[in-house]
Amino acid sequence: MTPRKKRRLMMLLAGLVFLGGAAALVLTAFQDNIVFFHSPTDLKTKQVGAKQRLRIGGLVEDGSVKKDESGKTIHFKVTDLTNSVDVSFTGILPDLFREGQGVVAEGHFANGLFTATDVLAKHDENYMPPEVAEALKKSGQWKDGSGKAGKEPNK
């Protein structure tokens, strides 16, 4: 092999190593910011790390919303109509938050309690977050806009 070909080969290998290192750094940075979605049934059946940031979605269970003595922390249950998860949230809830409505909460799950840092409520009577709708369909509990169990409404 001539010296010129060796030099080209070394430059090519150095470039590939550089690209591989850059890809590894980018993937590591993304891993810290990825937030996975889970339904209450997923949280009951799967192992989730206590430090892992995640989202849960479902319906706010009727009769489950309670404020603590200070009035700053709200406790409620999120259900996919199969299982429920206790949620604790300190802060101001969205105006449209109420029992029986769709909700997505973001935070951490540990020791059977989901501690939410953000709570998102649906913004009109027809909207359901896609992840929540999919979880309800998987559980066989999907209800169309009329409140009857059935297939997904036409888009």
C-alpha atoms as a PDB file:
ATOM      1  CA  MET A   1       0.000   0.000   0.000  1.00  0.00           C
ATOM      2  CA  THR A   2       1.360   3.391  -0.915  1.00  0.00           C
ATOM      3  CA  PRO A   3       1.841   6.116   1.703  1.00  0.00           C
ATOM      4  CA  ARG A   4      -0.863   8.185   0.025  1.00  0.00           C
ATOM      5  CA  LYS A   5      -3.456   5.386   0.345  1.00  0.00           C
ATOM      6  CA  LYS A   6      -2.458   4.806   3.984  1.00  0.00           C
ATOM      7  CA  ARG A   7      -2.961   8.480   4.748  1.00  0.00           C
ATOM      8  CA  ARG A   8      -6.426   8.456   3.085  1.00  0.00           C
ATOM      9  CA  LEU A   9      -7.388   5.322   5.012  1.00  0.00           C
ATOM     10  CA  MET A  10      -6.244   6.882   8.310  1.00  0.00           C
ATOM     11  CA  MET A  11      -8.211  10.071   7.558  1.00  0.00           C
ATOM     12  CA  LEU A  12     -11.310   8.011   6.736  1.00  0.00           C
ATOM     13  CA  LEU A  13     -10.988   6.002   9.956  1.00  0.00           C
ATOM     14  CA  ALA A  14     -10.410   9.176  11.993  1.00  0.00           C
ATOM     15  CA  GLY A  15     -13.539  10.712  10.425  1.00  0.00           C
ATOM     16  CA  LEU A  16     -15.616   7.640  11.259  1.00  0.00           C
ATOM     17  CA  VAL A  17     -14.383   7.665  14.870  1.00  0.00           C
ATOM     18  CA  PHE A  18     -15.230  11.373  15.105  1.00  0.00           C
ATOM     19  CA  LEU A  19     -18.743  10.816  13.697  1.00  0.00           C
ATOM     20  CA  GLY A  20     -19.303   7.868  16.040  1.00  0.00           C
ATOM     21  CA  GLY A  21     -18.258   9.961  19.039  1.00  0.00           C
ATOM     22  CA  ALA A  22     -20.517  12.836  17.996  1.00  0.00           C
ATOM     23  CA  ALA A  23     -23.476  10.455  17.537  1.00  0.00           C
ATOM     24  CA  ALA A  24     -22.855   8.958  20.996  1.00  0.00           C
ATOM     25  CA  LEU A  25     -22.821  12.430  22.590  1.00  0.00           C
ATOM     26  CA  VAL A  26     -26.058  13.426  20.844  1.00  0.00           C
ATOM     27  CA  LEU A  27     -27.824  10.203  21.888  1.00  0.00           C
ATOM     28  CA  THR A  28     -26.652  10.628  25.481  1.00  0.00           C
ATOM     29  CA  ALA A  29     -28.016  14.180  25.552  1.00  0.00           C
ATOM     30  CA  PHE A  30     -31.376  13.034  24.144  1.00  0.00           C
ATOM     31  CA  GLN A  31     -31.621  10.214  26.677  1.00  0.00           C
ATOM     32  CA  ASP A  32     -31.729  12.752  29.524  1.00  0.00           C
ATOM     33  CA  ASN A  33     -34.609  14.656  27.892  1.00  0.00           C
ATOM     34  CA  ILE A  34     -36.807  11.801  26.663  1.00  0.00           C
ATOM     35  CA  VAL A  35     -40.101  11.504  28.530  1.00  0.00           C
ATOM     36  CA  PHE A  36     -41.987   8.231  28.047  1.00  0.00           C
ATOM     37  CA  PHE A  37     -45.782   7.937  28.220  1.00  0.00           C
ATOM     38  CA  HIS A  38     -47.429   5.281  30.394  1.00  0.00           C
ATOM     39  CA  SER A  39     -50.994   4.404  31.289  1.00  0.00           C
ATOM     40  CA  PRO A  40     -51.910   3.488  34.892  1.00  0.00           C
ATOM     41  CA  THR A  41     -51.972  -0.188  33.869  1.00  0.00           C
ATOM     42  CA  ASP A  42     -48.413   0.141  32.512  1.00  0.00           C
ATOM     43  CA  LEU A  43     -47.227   1.572  35.832  1.00  0.00           C
ATOM     44  CA  LYS A  44     -48.813  -1.335  37.736  1.00  0.00           C
ATOM     45  CA  THR A  45     -47.300  -4.000  35.475  1.00  0.00           C
ATOM     46  CA  LYS A  46     -43.892  -2.581  34.496  1.00  0.00           C
ATOM     47  CA  GLN A  47     -40.848  -1.586  36.513  1.00  0.00           C
ATOM     48  CA  VAL A  48     -40.171   2.140  36.231  1.00  0.00           C
ATOM     49  CA  GLY A  49     -37.083   3.786  37.706  1.00  0.00           C
ATOM     50  CA  ALA A  50     -37.796   6.270  40.512  1.00  0.00           C
ATOM     51  CA  LYS A  51     -35.596   8.905  38.858  1.00  0.00           C
ATOM     52  CA  GLN A  52     -37.038   8.368  35.374  1.00  0.00           C
ATOM     53  CA  ARG A  53     -39.172  11.266  34.173  1.00  0.00           C
ATOM     54  CA  LEU A  54     -42.375  10.073  32.534  1.00  0.00           C
ATOM     55  CA  ARG A  55     -45.925  10.999  31.614  1.00  0.00           C
ATOM     56  CA  ILE A  56     -49.100   9.239  32.635  1.00  0.00           C
ATOM     57  CA  GLY A  57     -52.449   9.792  31.052  1.00  0.00           C
ATOM     58  CA  GLY A  58     -56.028   8.787  31.557  1.00  0.00           C
ATOM     59  CA  LEU A  59     -59.151  10.119  33.160  1.00  0.00           C
ATOM     60  CA  VAL A  60     -59.380  11.873  36.521  1.00  0.00           C
ATOM     61  CA  GLU A  61     -61.257   9.376  38.680  1.00  0.00           C
ATOM     62  CA  ASP A  62     -64.607  10.611  40.008  1.00  0.00           C
ATOM     63  CA  GLY A  63     -64.531  11.515  43.704  1.00  0.00           C
ATOM     64  CA  SER A  64     -60.743  11.333  43.950  1.00  0.00           C
ATOM     65  CA  VAL A  65     -59.719  15.021  43.933  1.00  0.00           C
ATOM     66  CA  LYS A  66     -58.677  16.221  47.397  1.00  0.00           C
ATOM     67  CA  LYS A  67     -56.597  19.158  48.641  1.00  0.00           C
ATOM     68  CA  ASP A  68     -54.240  18.850  51.605  1.00  0.00           C
ATOM     69  CA  GLU A  69     -54.546  21.082  54.675  1.00  0.00           C
ATOM     70  CA  SER A  70     -52.361  23.831  53.223  1.00  0.00           C
ATOM     71  CA  GLY A  71     -54.438  23.911  50.032  1.00  0.00           C
ATOM     72  CA  LYS A  72     -51.301  23.929  47.874  1.00  0.00           C
ATOM     73  CA  THR A  73     -51.024  20.213  47.133  1.00  0.00           C
ATOM     74  CA  ILE A  74     -53.784  18.387  45.283  1.00  0.00           C
ATOM     75  CA  HIS A  75     -54.161  14.603  45.381  1.00  0.00           C
ATOM     76  CA  PHE A  76     -56.186  12.757  42.764  1.00  0.00           C
ATOM     77  CA  LYS A  77     -56.290   9.466  40.888  1.00  0.00           C
ATOM     78  CA  VAL A  78     -55.713   8.929  37.188  1.00  0.00           C
ATOM     79  CA  THR A  79     -57.419   5.889  35.723  1.00  0.00           C
ATOM     80  CA  ASP A  80     -57.538   4.082  32.401  1.00  0.00           C
ATOM     81  CA  LEU A  81     -60.739   2.411  33.670  1.00  0.00           C
ATOM     82  CA  THR A  82     -58.752  -0.748  34.441  1.00  0.00           C
ATOM     83  CA  ASN A  83     -56.232   0.506  37.006  1.00  0.00           C
ATOM     84  CA  SER A  84     -55.702   3.757  38.908  1.00  0.00           C
ATOM     85  CA  VAL A  85     -52.600   5.622  40.040  1.00  0.00           C
ATOM     86  CA  ASP A  86     -52.457   8.076  42.940  1.00  0.00           C
ATOM     87  CA  VAL A  87     -51.101  11.464  41.832  1.00  0.00           C
ATOM     88  CA  SER A  88     -49.815  14.322  43.959  1.00  0.00           C
ATOM     89  CA  PHE A  89     -49.391  17.786  42.448  1.00  0.00           C
ATOM     90  CA  THR A  90     -48.259  21.020  44.053  1.00  0.00           C
ATOM     91  CA  GLY A  91     -49.173  24.058  42.026  1.00  0.00           C
ATOM     92  CA  ILE A  92     -52.011  25.554  40.075  1.00  0.00           C
ATOM     93  CA  LEU A  93     -54.148  23.135  38.087  1.00  0.00           C
ATOM     94  CA  PRO A  94     -55.414  24.086  34.618  1.00  0.00           C
ATOM     95  CA  ASP A  95     -58.872  25.731  34.579  1.00  0.00           C
ATOM     96  CA  LEU A  96     -60.334  22.801  32.653  1.00  0.00           C
ATOM     97  CA  PHE A  97     -59.121  20.186  35.159  1.00  0.00           C
ATOM     98  CA  ARG A  98     -62.050  18.260  36.652  1.00  0.00           C
ATOM     99  CA  GLU A  99     -63.178  14.763  37.541  1.00  0.00           C
ATOM    100  CA  GLY A 100     -64.061  12.462  34.657  1.00  0.00           C
ATOM    101  CA  GLN A 101     -61.976  14.421  32.132  1.00  0.00           C
ATOM    102  CA  GLY A 102     -58.802  13.462  30.291  1.00  0.00           C
ATOM    103  CA  VAL A 103     -55.494  14.491  31.810  1.00  0.00           C
ATOM    104  CA  VAL A 104     -51.780  14.014  31.179  1.00  0.00           C
ATOM    105  CA  ALA A 105     -49.399  14.434  34.123  1.00  0.00           C
ATOM    106  CA  GLU A 106     -45.614  14.630  33.874  1.00  0.00           C
ATOM    107  CA  GLY A 107     -43.313  13.775  36.761  1.00  0.00           C
ATOM    108  CA  HIS A 108     -41.818  10.823  38.677  1.00  0.00           C
ATOM    109  CA  PHE A 109     -43.294   7.545  39.957  1.00  0.00           C
ATOM    110  CA  ALA A 110     -42.005   6.009  43.186  1.00  0.00           C
ATOM    111  CA  ASN A 111     -43.506   3.857  45.953  1.00  0.00           C
ATOM    112  CA  GLY A 112     -46.932   3.715  44.299  1.00  0.00           C
ATOM    113  CA  LEU A 113     -47.293   7.513  44.116  1.00  0.00           C
ATOM    114  CA  PHE A 114     -46.882   9.633  41.003  1.00  0.00           C
ATOM    115  CA  THR A 115     -45.504  13.063  41.901  1.00  0.00           C
ATOM    116  CA  ALA A 116     -46.469  15.412  39.081  1.00  0.00           C
ATOM    117  CA  THR A 117     -44.549  18.530  38.150  1.00  0.00           C
ATOM    118  CA  ASP A 118     -46.905  19.434  35.277  1.00  0.00           C
ATOM    119  CA  VAL A 119     -50.582  18.643  34.706  1.00  0.00           C
ATOM    120  CA  LEU A 120     -52.249  19.146  31.332  1.00  0.00           C
ATOM    121  CA  ALA A 121     -56.034  18.999  30.912  1.00  0.00           C
ATOM    122  CA  LYS A 122     -57.901  18.549  27.666  1.00  0.00           C
ATOM    123  CA  HIS A 123     -58.985  21.807  26.071  1.00  0.00           C
ATOM    124  CA  ASP A 124     -62.461  20.947  24.760  1.00  0.00           C
ATOM    125  CA  GLU A 125     -65.021  18.188  25.020  1.00  0.00           C
ATOM    126  CA  ASN A 126     -63.878  16.411  21.846  1.00  0.00           C
ATOM    127  CA  TYR A 127     -60.120  16.374  22.399  1.00  0.00           C
ATOM    128  CA  MET A 128     -58.311  13.446  23.983  1.00  0.00           C
ATOM    129  CA  PRO A 129     -54.498  13.272  24.022  1.00  0.00           C
ATOM    130  CA  PRO A 130     -53.515  10.598  21.461  1.00  0.00           C
ATOM    131  CA  GLU A 131     -51.598   8.575  24.048  1.00  0.00           C
ATOM    132  CA  VAL A 132     -54.583   8.554  26.422  1.00  0.00           C
ATOM    133  CA  ALA A 133     -56.985   7.560  23.661  1.00  0.00           C
ATOM    134  CA  GLU A 134     -54.658   4.733  22.606  1.00  0.00           C
ATOM    135  CA  ALA A 135     -54.365   3.458  26.198  1.00  0.00           C
ATOM    136  CA  LEU A 136     -58.158   3.497  26.576  1.00  0.00           C
ATOM    137  CA  LYS A 137     -58.562   1.627  23.285  1.00  0.00           C
ATOM    138  CA  LYS A 138     -56.044  -1.015  24.383  1.00  0.00           C
ATOM    139  CA  SER A 139     -57.920  -1.514  27.647  1.00  0.00           C
ATOM    140  CA  GLY A 140     -61.216  -1.834  25.754  1.00  0.00           C
ATOM    141  CA  GLN A 141     -62.634   1.208  27.550  1.00  0.00           C
ATOM    142  CA  TRP A 142     -62.673   3.706  24.659  1.00  0.00           C
ATOM    143  CA  LYS A 143     -65.811   5.849  24.625  1.00  0.00           C
ATOM    144  CA  ASP A 144     -66.840   7.989  21.689  1.00  0.00           C
ATOM    145  CA  GLY A 145     -68.090  11.562  22.079  1.00  0.00           C
ATOM    146  CA  SER A 146     -71.573  10.371  23.125  1.00  0.00           C
ATOM    147  CA  GLY A 147     -70.175   8.538  26.157  1.00  0.00           C
ATOM    148  CA  LYS A 148     -70.924   5.116  24.656  1.00  0.00           C
ATOM    149  CA  ALA A 149     -68.245   2.481  24.319  1.00  0.00           C
ATOM    150  CA  GLY A 150     -67.344   1.958  20.721  1.00  0.00           C
ATOM    151  CA  LYS A 151     -64.891   2.456  17.933  1.00  0.00           C
ATOM    152  CA  GLU A 152     -62.715   5.491  17.443  1.00  0.00           C
ATOM    153  CA  PRO A 153     -64.653   8.440  15.976  1.00  0.00           C
ATOM    154  CA  ASN A 154     -64.044   9.345  12.357  1.00  0.00           C
ATOM    155  CA  LYS A 155     -61.254  11.838  11.843  1.00  0.00           C
END
